[in-house]
Amino acid sequence: MTGGFSDGWTALLLFPVLLWVPFGPFIMGALGVWCARRPGSRPRLWSVLAPLEPVGFPVTQTMLPLDDLDDPVQRDDFLGVFYVLVLGTTVLPWLLGYGITRVRRTLRARRGRV
């Protein structure tokens, strides 16, 4: 029942990752829009806290033990998880939501001045 893992806690910690892969980009895009519309610490704090467990757990699972990072297979696994989970489903959607909102607000402000 635990997907080949030795205990149920590991499977329980990996369950949010299964939800993060399809829904995470939408959540991070919405958080990017929220950060662009309302400056302050609260939106930015949620932008860090929301992906902390579903992204941090698989990254640490592929990274530990640290002495095996010299192994090219483990390094490739770590880079793959880093590129897909951290950059692909977390950072890029946040940047797109933030950037598109800021550009749109700037264009509206310019149009209103002219």
Protein backbone atom coordinates (compact mmCIF):
# COMPACT_ATOMS: atom_id res chain seq x y z
CA MET A 1 0.00 0.00 0.00
CA THR A 2 2.90 2.40 0.51
CA GLY A 3 4.14 2.31 -3.07
CA GLY A 4 7.32 0.39 -2.40
CA PHE A 5 8.43 2.56 0.52
CA SER A 6 9.40 1.06 3.84
CA ASP A 7 6.85 2.89 5.94
CA GLY A 8 3.56 4.71 5.67
CA TRP A 9 5.02 8.07 6.69
CA THR A 10 7.09 8.31 3.55
CA ALA A 11 4.04 7.57 1.42
CA LEU A 12 2.05 10.10 3.43
CA LEU A 13 4.71 12.76 2.82
CA LEU A 14 4.80 11.97 -0.91
CA PHE A 15 1.01 12.28 -1.29
CA PRO A 16 1.10 16.12 -1.50
CA VAL A 17 3.66 15.77 -4.31
CA LEU A 18 1.11 13.84 -6.35
CA LEU A 19 -1.32 16.73 -5.92
CA TRP A 20 1.35 19.38 -6.48
CA VAL A 21 2.35 18.16 -9.95
CA PRO A 22 -1.03 18.86 -11.62
CA PHE A 23 -2.27 21.69 -9.40
CA GLY A 24 0.95 23.36 -8.23
CA PRO A 25 1.53 25.52 -11.30
CA PHE A 26 -1.97 27.00 -10.99
CA ILE A 27 -1.48 27.66 -7.28
CA MET A 28 1.90 29.30 -7.85
CA GLY A 29 0.55 31.37 -10.75
CA ALA A 30 -2.25 32.63 -8.51
CA LEU A 31 0.25 33.41 -5.76
CA GLY A 32 2.37 35.35 -8.28
CA VAL A 33 -0.66 37.42 -9.27
CA TRP A 34 -1.44 38.00 -5.59
CA CYS A 35 2.13 39.20 -4.97
CA ALA A 36 1.95 41.58 -7.94
CA ARG A 37 -1.37 43.08 -6.88
CA ARG A 38 -0.75 43.44 -3.16
CA PRO A 39 2.76 44.28 -2.07
CA GLY A 40 3.68 43.14 1.38
CA SER A 41 5.08 40.26 3.33
CA ARG A 42 1.93 38.14 3.58
CA PRO A 43 1.67 37.14 -0.14
CA ARG A 44 5.39 36.50 -0.34
CA LEU A 45 5.32 34.38 2.80
CA TRP A 46 2.55 32.22 1.33
CA SER A 47 4.52 31.96 -1.91
CA VAL A 48 7.29 30.29 0.07
CA LEU A 49 5.17 28.27 2.51
CA ALA A 50 2.73 26.75 0.00
CA PRO A 51 5.29 24.71 -1.97
CA LEU A 52 7.57 23.99 0.99
CA GLU A 53 6.48 20.42 1.75
CA PRO A 54 5.46 19.11 -1.69
CA VAL A 55 8.66 20.42 -3.27
CA GLY A 56 11.10 20.20 -0.38
CA PHE A 57 10.48 16.56 0.52
CA PRO A 58 11.30 15.02 -2.90
CA VAL A 59 14.33 17.27 -3.28
CA THR A 60 15.71 16.12 0.07
CA GLN A 61 14.86 12.50 -0.73
CA THR A 62 16.90 12.60 -3.94
CA MET A 63 19.71 14.58 -2.33
CA LEU A 64 20.31 12.45 0.79
CA PRO A 65 22.85 11.04 1.58
CA LEU A 66 25.02 13.96 0.61
CA ASP A 67 28.16 11.90 0.03
CA ASP A 68 26.59 10.23 -3.03
CA LEU A 69 26.24 13.46 -5.05
CA ASP A 70 29.49 12.57 -6.82
CA ASP A 71 27.62 9.65 -8.40
CA PRO A 72 26.44 10.81 -11.85
CA VAL A 73 23.17 8.87 -11.62
CA GLN A 74 22.16 10.49 -8.32
CA ARG A 75 23.29 13.90 -9.55
CA ASP A 76 21.13 13.49 -12.67
CA ASP A 77 18.16 12.41 -10.52
CA PHE A 78 18.61 15.42 -8.28
CA LEU A 79 18.89 17.82 -11.22
CA GLY A 80 15.80 16.29 -12.83
CA VAL A 81 13.73 16.71 -9.67
CA PHE A 82 15.12 20.21 -9.20
CA TYR A 83 14.34 21.30 -12.76
CA VAL A 84 10.83 19.82 -12.86
CA LEU A 85 9.53 20.41 -9.33
CA VAL A 86 11.39 23.52 -8.26
CA LEU A 87 11.74 25.41 -11.51
CA GLY A 88 8.98 23.95 -13.69
CA THR A 89 6.05 23.70 -11.30
CA THR A 90 6.99 26.35 -8.75
CA VAL A 91 9.25 29.19 -9.89
CA LEU A 92 8.25 29.56 -13.55
CA PRO A 93 4.46 29.76 -12.93
CA TRP A 94 5.03 32.27 -10.12
CA LEU A 95 7.22 34.41 -12.37
CA LEU A 96 4.68 34.23 -15.19
CA GLY A 97 1.80 35.24 -12.93
CA TYR A 98 3.81 38.04 -11.36
CA GLY A 99 5.30 39.29 -14.63
CA ILE A 100 2.10 39.23 -16.65
CA THR A 101 0.22 41.09 -13.92
CA ARG A 102 2.91 43.76 -13.59
CA VAL A 103 3.17 44.29 -17.37
CA ARG A 104 -0.61 44.50 -17.65
CA ARG A 105 -0.84 47.07 -14.85
CA THR A 106 1.97 49.10 -16.42
CA LEU A 107 0.28 49.13 -19.83
CA ARG A 108 -3.04 50.15 -18.29
CA ALA A 109 -1.35 52.98 -16.38
CA ARG A 110 0.35 54.24 -19.56
CA ARG A 111 -2.89 54.06 -21.52
CA GLY A 112 -4.67 56.02 -18.82
CA ARG A 113 -2.06 58.81 -18.86
CA VAL A 114 -2.10 59.39 -22.62
